[in-house]
Amino acid sequence: MIINNIQIDDTFAEAFNMRATRVILTAQNLKWAYHAANAMTGFATSVIGCGVEAGIEGELGETETPDGRPGVSVLLFAMGSKVLMQQLETRMGQCVLTCPTAAAFAGINSEDQINLGKNLRFFGDGFQTSKLITDKRYWRVPVMDGEFLCEETTGMVRAIGGGNFLILATSQSLALAAAEVAIEAMKKIPNVIMPFPGGVVRSGSKVGSKYKTMFASTNDAFCPTLKGVTDSELSAEIESVMEIVIDGLCFDDIANAMRVGITAICQLGESSGVKRISAGNYGGKLGPHHFKLQEIMQAGNA
């Protein structure tokens, strides 16, 4: 498949099952809502080393938040419910409870509920109070700037992590420029995050390693400096590869984000320096969800 002189490989991105939750963070203005959200989603690029993958989903206006203040929606993904609960509670306590004027609310409805402020209330040292409003319990914890308001629980749902595509270009600067264009378009899609720095990862990995202590290692087939010493996927003109990884609440959310991002790159045309769009798959070793690039792009034209 060729779109505007850019080849879309006949391959698929292989993704895996995760658990996810959404939290709504509000503050007296967007600046402080973002401070809370940025701190909460720090060190959360990959479950390989961070335990959780997290990112900012988008901004919320005053009419979209429970307390009528500006807000930010945050999504968190983990490999299991226990890890997700632990990571959420730790990040709430260290990053949101501590942030001036911040409040936190459930952002997703589900029968599965996990703690949001249920245990954080004990920081109030007995001075905390609660209120039940339409079957939802809220905690008010006294802090030095006034009080911290937090909903007791939030929902947890099954989700998917590891959707991805690779941008193969003639230089590092051109590959990154194309990735930035894709990320800006993908940020408009709900229910997904791109958890790596700026939404882009340069150190794409493969499953396994020659070293017993490593269960993931550099994706040598897509490393430009290894063309002559490994079974390379790169032709002579490819000098840089960037990857965009997507986590989403369902298969269609990720597929839609991939389509939007790839389309944005293809609209740049041949002058972008992008020659191919590919994806990371591992022969079924990683996960059961297969995002077939050509099918995704064809569905967008249907």
Protein backbone atom coordinates (compact mmCIF):
# COMPACT_ATOMS: atom_id res chain seq x y z
CA MET A 1 0.00 0.00 0.00
CA ILE A 2 1.31 3.45 -0.99
CA ILE A 3 -0.25 6.66 0.37
CA ASN A 4 1.12 9.90 -1.04
CA ASN A 5 4.42 8.19 -1.91
CA ILE A 6 4.81 6.69 1.58
CA GLN A 7 4.75 2.90 1.86
CA ILE A 8 2.48 1.31 4.47
CA ASP A 9 3.97 -2.09 5.30
CA ASP A 10 1.86 -5.24 5.24
CA THR A 11 2.43 -5.93 8.93
CA PHE A 12 0.76 -5.47 12.28
CA ALA A 13 1.38 -3.96 15.69
CA GLU A 14 1.12 -6.55 18.42
CA ALA A 15 -0.51 -5.37 21.64
CA PHE A 16 -1.38 -6.88 25.01
CA ASN A 17 -4.07 -6.82 27.70
CA MET A 18 -3.93 -4.24 30.46
CA ARG A 19 -6.12 -2.74 33.18
CA ALA A 20 -6.85 0.98 33.14
CA THR A 21 -8.43 3.80 35.05
CA ARG A 22 -9.15 7.47 34.47
CA VAL A 23 -8.82 10.26 37.03
CA ILE A 24 -10.11 13.81 36.69
CA LEU A 25 -7.81 16.38 38.31
CA THR A 26 -9.04 19.92 38.87
CA ALA A 27 -7.50 23.05 40.35
CA GLN A 28 -8.11 26.78 40.58
CA ASN A 29 -6.74 27.10 37.04
CA LEU A 30 -5.33 24.89 34.28
CA LYS A 31 -1.75 25.69 35.24
CA TRP A 32 -2.12 23.94 38.58
CA ALA A 33 -4.25 21.14 37.17
CA TYR A 34 -1.40 20.44 34.76
CA HIS A 35 1.16 20.59 37.57
CA ALA A 36 -0.76 17.81 39.35
CA ALA A 37 -1.24 15.80 36.16
CA ASN A 38 2.37 16.13 35.01
CA ALA A 39 3.67 15.00 38.38
CA MET A 40 1.20 12.11 38.54
CA THR A 41 2.16 10.83 35.09
CA GLY A 42 5.92 11.18 35.57
CA PHE A 43 8.13 8.09 35.23
CA ALA A 44 5.29 6.21 33.56
CA THR A 45 6.43 5.45 30.03
CA SER A 46 6.58 1.65 30.04
CA VAL A 47 5.60 -1.20 32.33
CA ILE A 48 9.00 -2.70 31.49
CA GLY A 49 10.54 -0.45 34.13
CA CYS A 50 7.91 1.92 35.49
CA GLY A 51 5.13 -0.42 36.61
CA VAL A 52 2.49 1.78 35.05
CA GLU A 53 2.00 3.63 31.78
CA ALA A 54 0.24 6.96 32.22
CA GLY A 55 -0.43 10.15 30.36
CA ILE A 56 -2.65 13.19 30.02
CA GLU A 57 -5.71 12.45 27.91
CA GLY A 58 -6.89 16.03 27.54
CA GLU A 59 -8.17 19.26 29.05
CA LEU A 60 -11.62 19.66 30.57
CA GLY A 61 -13.59 22.88 30.80
CA GLU A 62 -15.48 24.09 33.82
CA THR A 63 -18.73 22.55 32.55
CA GLU A 64 -17.09 19.13 32.20
CA THR A 65 -15.70 18.65 35.72
CA PRO A 66 -17.49 17.59 38.93
CA ASP A 67 -16.55 20.75 40.84
CA GLY A 68 -16.91 23.28 38.02
CA ARG A 69 -13.22 24.13 37.86
CA PRO A 70 -10.71 23.70 35.02
CA GLY A 71 -9.39 20.16 34.83
CA VAL A 72 -7.23 17.56 33.16
CA SER A 73 -8.09 13.95 32.41
CA VAL A 74 -5.41 11.36 33.16
CA LEU A 75 -5.31 7.71 32.06
CA LEU A 76 -3.24 5.05 33.82
CA PHE A 77 -2.54 1.53 32.50
CA ALA A 78 -0.95 -1.47 34.23
CA MET A 79 -0.53 -5.18 33.58
CA GLY A 80 -2.79 -6.15 36.48
CA SER A 81 -5.31 -4.72 38.91
CA LYS A 82 -3.03 -5.02 41.97
CA VAL A 83 -0.24 -3.02 40.33
CA LEU A 84 -2.67 -0.42 39.03
CA MET A 85 -4.21 0.08 42.46
CA GLN A 86 -0.83 0.43 44.13
CA GLN A 87 0.51 2.86 41.53
CA LEU A 88 -2.64 4.97 41.58
CA GLU A 89 -2.64 5.29 45.35
CA THR A 90 1.06 6.15 45.52
CA ARG A 91 0.85 8.75 42.78
CA MET A 92 -2.27 10.30 44.26
CA GLY A 93 -0.59 10.68 47.62
CA GLN A 94 2.73 12.02 46.39
CA CYS A 95 1.64 14.09 43.38
CA VAL A 96 -1.98 15.22 43.78
CA LEU A 97 -2.51 15.51 47.52
CA THR A 98 0.64 17.64 47.60
CA CYS A 99 -0.36 19.96 44.73
CA PRO A 100 -1.86 23.34 45.72
CA THR A 101 -5.63 23.67 45.07
CA ALA A 102 -5.84 20.25 43.37
CA ALA A 103 -8.83 17.91 43.71
CA ALA A 104 -9.39 14.43 42.28
CA PHE A 105 -12.49 12.66 40.97
CA ALA A 106 -13.43 9.36 39.35
CA GLY A 107 -13.20 9.55 35.57
CA ILE A 108 -14.64 6.22 34.56
CA ASN A 109 -17.69 4.17 35.49
CA SER A 110 -17.24 0.47 36.14
CA GLU A 111 -18.40 -2.27 38.44
CA ASP A 112 -14.75 -2.74 39.41
CA GLN A 113 -13.81 0.03 41.80
CA ILE A 114 -10.34 0.89 43.10
CA ASN A 115 -9.24 3.29 45.79
CA LEU A 116 -8.76 6.92 44.88
CA GLY A 117 -9.09 8.80 48.17
CA LYS A 118 -10.25 5.98 50.42
CA ASN A 119 -6.90 5.58 52.13
CA LEU A 120 -5.56 9.07 51.49
CA ARG A 121 -8.15 10.33 53.94
CA PHE A 122 -6.02 9.01 56.80
CA PHE A 123 -3.55 11.80 56.09
CA GLY A 124 -6.18 13.96 57.76
CA ASP A 125 -5.21 12.40 61.10
CA GLY A 126 -8.82 12.09 62.23
CA PHE A 127 -9.86 15.57 61.11
CA GLN A 128 -11.06 14.32 57.69
CA THR A 129 -14.77 14.37 56.91
CA SER A 130 -16.89 12.64 54.27
CA LYS A 131 -20.10 13.30 52.39
CA LEU A 132 -22.25 10.92 50.35
CA ILE A 133 -23.81 12.50 47.24
CA THR A 134 -25.95 10.33 44.92
CA ASP A 135 -24.18 7.13 46.04
CA LYS A 136 -20.73 8.67 45.60
CA ARG A 137 -18.58 9.26 48.66
CA TYR A 138 -16.21 12.22 48.80
CA TRP A 139 -13.50 12.92 51.36
CA ARG A 140 -12.40 16.35 52.59
CA VAL A 141 -8.91 16.30 54.04
CA PRO A 142 -7.60 19.41 55.83
CA VAL A 143 -4.32 20.67 54.35
CA MET A 144 -2.39 23.88 54.76
CA ASP A 145 -3.92 25.67 51.77
CA GLY A 146 -7.47 24.75 52.82
CA GLU A 147 -8.66 21.24 52.05
CA PHE A 148 -8.07 18.41 49.62
CA LEU A 149 -11.27 17.10 48.05
CA CYS A 150 -11.19 13.60 46.60
CA GLU A 151 -13.73 11.03 45.50
CA GLU A 152 -13.38 7.76 47.40
CA THR A 153 -13.02 5.40 44.43
CA THR A 154 -12.79 5.33 40.66
CA GLY A 155 -13.58 2.68 38.08
CA MET A 156 -11.16 0.15 36.62
CA VAL A 157 -11.66 -1.43 33.18
CA ARG A 158 -9.96 -3.88 30.85
CA ALA A 159 -7.81 -2.12 28.27
CA ILE A 160 -5.07 -2.62 25.69
CA GLY A 161 -1.46 -1.49 25.68
CA GLY A 162 1.27 -1.53 23.07
CA GLY A 163 -0.46 -0.39 19.90
CA ASN A 164 2.28 1.17 17.79
CA PHE A 165 3.68 2.20 14.45
CA LEU A 166 7.19 2.93 13.21
CA ILE A 167 8.23 5.95 11.15
CA LEU A 168 11.14 5.19 8.79
CA ALA A 169 12.81 8.31 7.41
CA THR A 170 15.96 9.54 5.72
CA SER A 171 17.25 11.47 8.74
CA GLN A 172 16.76 11.77 12.48
CA SER A 173 15.38 15.32 12.25
CA LEU A 174 12.84 14.38 9.58
CA ALA A 175 11.69 11.26 11.44
CA LEU A 176 11.15 13.30 14.60
CA ALA A 177 9.35 16.10 12.75
CA ALA A 178 6.92 13.57 11.26
CA ALA A 179 6.38 12.00 14.68
CA GLU A 180 5.55 15.39 16.16
CA VAL A 181 2.93 15.99 13.46
CA ALA A 182 1.38 12.60 14.20
CA ILE A 183 1.29 13.20 17.95
CA GLU A 184 -0.44 16.56 17.59
CA ALA A 185 -3.19 14.89 15.54
CA MET A 186 -3.48 11.91 17.89
CA LYS A 187 -3.83 14.09 20.99
CA LYS A 188 -7.31 14.97 19.76
CA ILE A 189 -8.46 11.34 20.02
CA PRO A 190 -10.21 10.40 23.29
CA ASN A 191 -9.55 7.27 25.36
CA VAL A 192 -5.89 6.94 24.37
CA ILE A 193 -2.48 8.08 25.57
CA MET A 194 0.99 8.04 24.03
CA PRO A 195 3.01 7.49 27.22
CA PHE A 196 6.60 8.04 26.07
CA PRO A 197 8.42 11.42 26.21
CA GLY A 198 6.56 13.78 23.91
CA GLY A 199 4.62 10.72 22.75
CA VAL A 200 7.62 9.28 20.89
CA VAL A 201 10.09 6.48 21.67
CA ARG A 202 13.45 6.04 19.96
CA SER A 203 14.48 2.90 21.86
CA GLY A 204 11.95 0.49 20.40
CA SER A 205 12.39 -2.99 21.84
CA LYS A 206 11.99 -6.62 20.88
CA VAL A 207 11.01 -9.52 23.11
CA GLY A 208 13.99 -11.28 24.68
CA SER A 209 17.74 -10.73 24.81
CA LYS A 210 21.07 -12.55 24.68
CA TYR A 211 21.39 -11.59 28.35
CA LYS A 212 19.37 -13.75 30.75
CA THR A 213 18.44 -10.82 33.01
CA MET A 214 16.83 -8.86 30.15
CA PHE A 215 13.35 -9.75 28.88
CA ALA A 216 13.38 -6.90 26.33
CA SER A 217 16.22 -5.47 24.26
CA THR A 218 16.92 -3.09 21.39
CA ASN A 219 14.98 -3.75 18.20
CA ASP A 220 18.15 -4.32 16.19
CA ALA A 221 16.28 -4.96 12.93
CA PHE A 222 15.26 -1.28 12.93
CA CYS A 223 18.54 0.26 14.19
CA PRO A 224 20.22 2.17 11.32
CA THR A 225 23.75 1.69 12.66
CA LEU A 226 23.34 -2.10 12.62
CA LYS A 227 22.40 -2.51 8.96
CA GLY A 228 25.55 -4.43 8.15
CA VAL A 229 25.73 -6.64 11.23
CA THR A 230 22.16 -7.85 11.80
CA ASP A 231 19.13 -9.03 9.85
CA SER A 232 18.04 -5.47 9.11
CA GLU A 233 14.58 -4.30 8.05
CA LEU A 234 16.05 -1.06 6.74
CA SER A 235 16.99 -0.10 3.20
CA ALA A 236 20.04 2.04 2.46
CA GLU A 237 18.25 5.41 2.55
CA ILE A 238 16.70 4.91 6.01
CA GLU A 239 18.81 6.66 8.62
CA SER A 240 16.36 7.00 11.51
CA VAL A 241 13.31 5.25 12.94
CA MET A 242 10.88 6.67 15.50
CA GLU A 243 8.10 4.72 17.21
CA ILE A 244 4.78 5.91 18.57
CA VAL A 245 3.20 3.65 21.20
CA ILE A 246 -0.50 3.91 22.02
CA ASP A 247 -2.46 2.63 25.01
CA GLY A 248 -6.26 2.73 24.79
CA LEU A 249 -9.44 1.68 26.48
CA CYS A 250 -10.45 -0.57 23.58
CA PHE A 251 -9.23 -1.90 20.22
CA ASP A 252 -11.13 0.67 18.16
CA ASP A 253 -9.72 3.57 20.19
CA ILE A 254 -6.15 2.51 19.41
CA ALA A 255 -6.91 1.73 15.76
CA ASN A 256 -8.49 5.15 15.34
CA ALA A 257 -5.49 6.90 16.90
CA MET A 258 -3.10 4.95 14.68
CA ARG A 259 -5.11 5.85 11.59
CA VAL A 260 -5.16 9.53 12.49
CA GLY A 261 -1.42 9.61 13.21
CA ILE A 262 -0.41 7.75 10.06
CA THR A 263 -2.74 9.87 7.94
CA ALA A 264 -1.17 13.06 9.32
CA ILE A 265 2.27 11.80 8.31
CA CYS A 266 1.15 10.71 4.85
CA GLN A 267 -0.36 14.13 4.24
CA LEU A 268 3.17 15.54 4.53
CA GLY A 269 4.09 13.62 1.39
CA GLU A 270 7.46 12.65 -0.03
CA SER A 271 9.16 15.89 1.04
CA SER A 272 8.79 14.80 4.67
CA GLY A 273 11.62 12.31 4.20
CA VAL A 274 9.39 9.50 5.46
CA LYS A 275 9.69 6.44 3.23
CA ARG A 276 7.77 3.79 5.13
CA ILE A 277 5.36 3.23 8.00
CA SER A 278 5.84 -0.12 9.73
CA ALA A 279 5.01 -1.63 13.12
CA GLY A 280 6.43 -3.75 15.91
CA ASN A 281 5.18 -7.33 15.97
CA TYR A 282 6.82 -10.27 17.67
CA GLY A 283 5.30 -13.31 16.01
CA GLY A 284 2.55 -13.62 18.58
CA LYS A 285 4.93 -13.69 21.56
CA LEU A 286 3.75 -10.43 23.09
CA GLY A 287 -0.02 -10.18 22.97
CA PRO A 288 -3.29 -11.24 21.33
CA HIS A 289 -4.28 -7.90 19.77
CA HIS A 290 -3.04 -7.38 16.21
CA PHE A 291 -3.43 -3.96 14.61
CA LYS A 292 -2.95 -4.56 10.89
CA LEU A 293 -1.70 -1.36 9.33
CA GLN A 294 -3.17 -1.74 5.87
CA GLU A 295 -6.58 -2.81 7.20
CA ILE A 296 -6.63 0.16 9.55
CA MET A 297 -5.85 2.59 6.74
CA GLN A 298 -8.35 0.98 4.36
CA ALA A 299 -11.07 1.24 7.02
CA GLY A 300 -10.47 4.97 7.16
CA ASN A 301 -11.23 5.24 3.45
CA ALA A 302 -14.36 3.09 3.55
